Amino acid sequence: MEADPKIAEQKFNEFLRLLPLTLAVAGLPLAPPGTYMTDGQLDARATAIRSAYKISRQLILDIIK
């Protein structure tokens, strides 16, 4: 079963709109230019961003109710 392209685009646009809030909630420091991270570090940062996105999305939904 393939995803509807319109729905995928809407979800992507929602993610982009929430990205500044998501990154603020995640609280991750910026890596200095030229810094390389291990796979474990990248996974940890991706997990933090995923969790922060869920919180950011729920916060916005609570606010607009």
C-alpha atoms as a PDB file:
ATOM      1  CA  MET A   1       0.000   0.000   0.000  1.00  0.00           C
ATOM      2  CA  GLU A   2       1.586   3.261  -1.128  1.00  0.00           C
ATOM      3  CA  ALA A   3       1.175   6.538   0.737  1.00  0.00           C
ATOM      4  CA  ASP A   4      -0.880   9.291  -0.852  1.00  0.00           C
ATOM      5  CA  PRO A   5       1.578  11.894  -2.199  1.00  0.00           C
ATOM      6  CA  LYS A   6      -0.659  14.762  -1.007  1.00  0.00           C
ATOM      7  CA  ILE A   7      -0.719  13.431   2.544  1.00  0.00           C
ATOM      8  CA  ALA A   8       3.041  12.867   2.503  1.00  0.00           C
ATOM      9  CA  GLU A   9       3.572  16.447   1.311  1.00  0.00           C
ATOM     10  CA  GLN A  10       1.254  17.810   4.031  1.00  0.00           C
ATOM     11  CA  LYS A  11       3.126  15.876   6.717  1.00  0.00           C
ATOM     12  CA  PHE A  12       6.461  17.084   5.369  1.00  0.00           C
ATOM     13  CA  ASN A  13       5.265  20.705   5.353  1.00  0.00           C
ATOM     14  CA  GLU A  14       3.975  20.298   8.912  1.00  0.00           C
ATOM     15  CA  PHE A  15       7.368  18.934   9.970  1.00  0.00           C
ATOM     16  CA  LEU A  16       9.164  21.886   8.359  1.00  0.00           C
ATOM     17  CA  ARG A  17       6.847  24.399  10.053  1.00  0.00           C
ATOM     18  CA  LEU A  18       7.467  22.758  13.431  1.00  0.00           C
ATOM     19  CA  LEU A  19      11.213  22.336  12.933  1.00  0.00           C
ATOM     20  CA  PRO A  20      12.340  25.513  14.763  1.00  0.00           C
ATOM     21  CA  LEU A  21      10.191  24.633  17.793  1.00  0.00           C
ATOM     22  CA  THR A  22      11.274  21.000  17.602  1.00  0.00           C
ATOM     23  CA  LEU A  23      14.968  21.896  17.641  1.00  0.00           C
ATOM     24  CA  ALA A  24      14.421  24.291  20.548  1.00  0.00           C
ATOM     25  CA  VAL A  25      12.596  21.588  22.525  1.00  0.00           C
ATOM     26  CA  ALA A  26      15.315  19.036  21.704  1.00  0.00           C
ATOM     27  CA  GLY A  27      17.951  21.409  23.092  1.00  0.00           C
ATOM     28  CA  LEU A  28      20.764  19.912  21.065  1.00  0.00           C
ATOM     29  CA  PRO A  29      23.931  21.985  20.758  1.00  0.00           C
ATOM     30  CA  LEU A  30      25.175  22.821  17.289  1.00  0.00           C
ATOM     31  CA  ALA A  31      28.249  20.865  16.291  1.00  0.00           C
ATOM     32  CA  PRO A  32      31.234  22.975  15.255  1.00  0.00           C
ATOM     33  CA  PRO A  33      31.923  22.920  11.514  1.00  0.00           C
ATOM     34  CA  GLY A  34      34.062  19.982  10.487  1.00  0.00           C
ATOM     35  CA  THR A  35      33.013  17.870  13.463  1.00  0.00           C
ATOM     36  CA  TYR A  36      32.290  14.261  12.646  1.00  0.00           C
ATOM     37  CA  MET A  37      29.908  12.221  14.762  1.00  0.00           C
ATOM     38  CA  THR A  38      29.751   8.502  15.303  1.00  0.00           C
ATOM     39  CA  ASP A  39      26.720   6.493  14.245  1.00  0.00           C
ATOM     40  CA  GLY A  40      25.737   6.255  17.909  1.00  0.00           C
ATOM     41  CA  GLN A  41      25.873  10.028  18.341  1.00  0.00           C
ATOM     42  CA  LEU A  42      23.798  10.551  15.209  1.00  0.00           C
ATOM     43  CA  ASP A  43      21.240   7.985  16.375  1.00  0.00           C
ATOM     44  CA  ALA A  44      20.998   9.682  19.778  1.00  0.00           C
ATOM     45  CA  ARG A  45      20.442  13.079  18.179  1.00  0.00           C
ATOM     46  CA  ALA A  46      17.849  11.667  15.762  1.00  0.00           C
ATOM     47  CA  THR A  47      16.004  10.054  18.681  1.00  0.00           C
ATOM     48  CA  ALA A  48      16.005  13.347  20.582  1.00  0.00           C
ATOM     49  CA  ILE A  49      14.619  15.165  17.540  1.00  0.00           C
ATOM     50  CA  ARG A  50      11.896  12.526  17.036  1.00  0.00           C
ATOM     51  CA  SER A  51      10.809  12.827  20.658  1.00  0.00           C
ATOM     52  CA  ALA A  52      10.912  16.621  20.530  1.00  0.00           C
ATOM     53  CA  TYR A  53       8.817  16.612  17.340  1.00  0.00           C
ATOM     54  CA  LYS A  54       6.099  14.543  19.028  1.00  0.00           C
ATOM     55  CA  ILE A  55       6.069  16.942  21.975  1.00  0.00           C
ATOM     56  CA  SER A  56       6.074  20.019  19.704  1.00  0.00           C
ATOM     57  CA  ARG A  57       3.223  18.677  17.601  1.00  0.00           C
ATOM     58  CA  GLN A  58       1.146  17.832  20.671  1.00  0.00           C
ATOM     59  CA  LEU A  59       1.852  21.265  22.158  1.00  0.00           C
ATOM     60  CA  ILE A  60       0.557  22.989  19.039  1.00  0.00           C
ATOM     61  CA  LEU A  61      -2.527  20.758  18.938  1.00  0.00           C
ATOM     62  CA  ASP A  62      -3.234  21.584  22.615  1.00  0.00           C
ATOM     63  CA  ILE A  63      -2.821  25.295  21.961  1.00  0.00           C
ATOM     64  CA  ILE A  64      -5.243  25.407  19.026  1.00  0.00           C
ATOM     65  CA  LYS A  65      -7.984  23.529  20.899  1.00  0.00           C
END
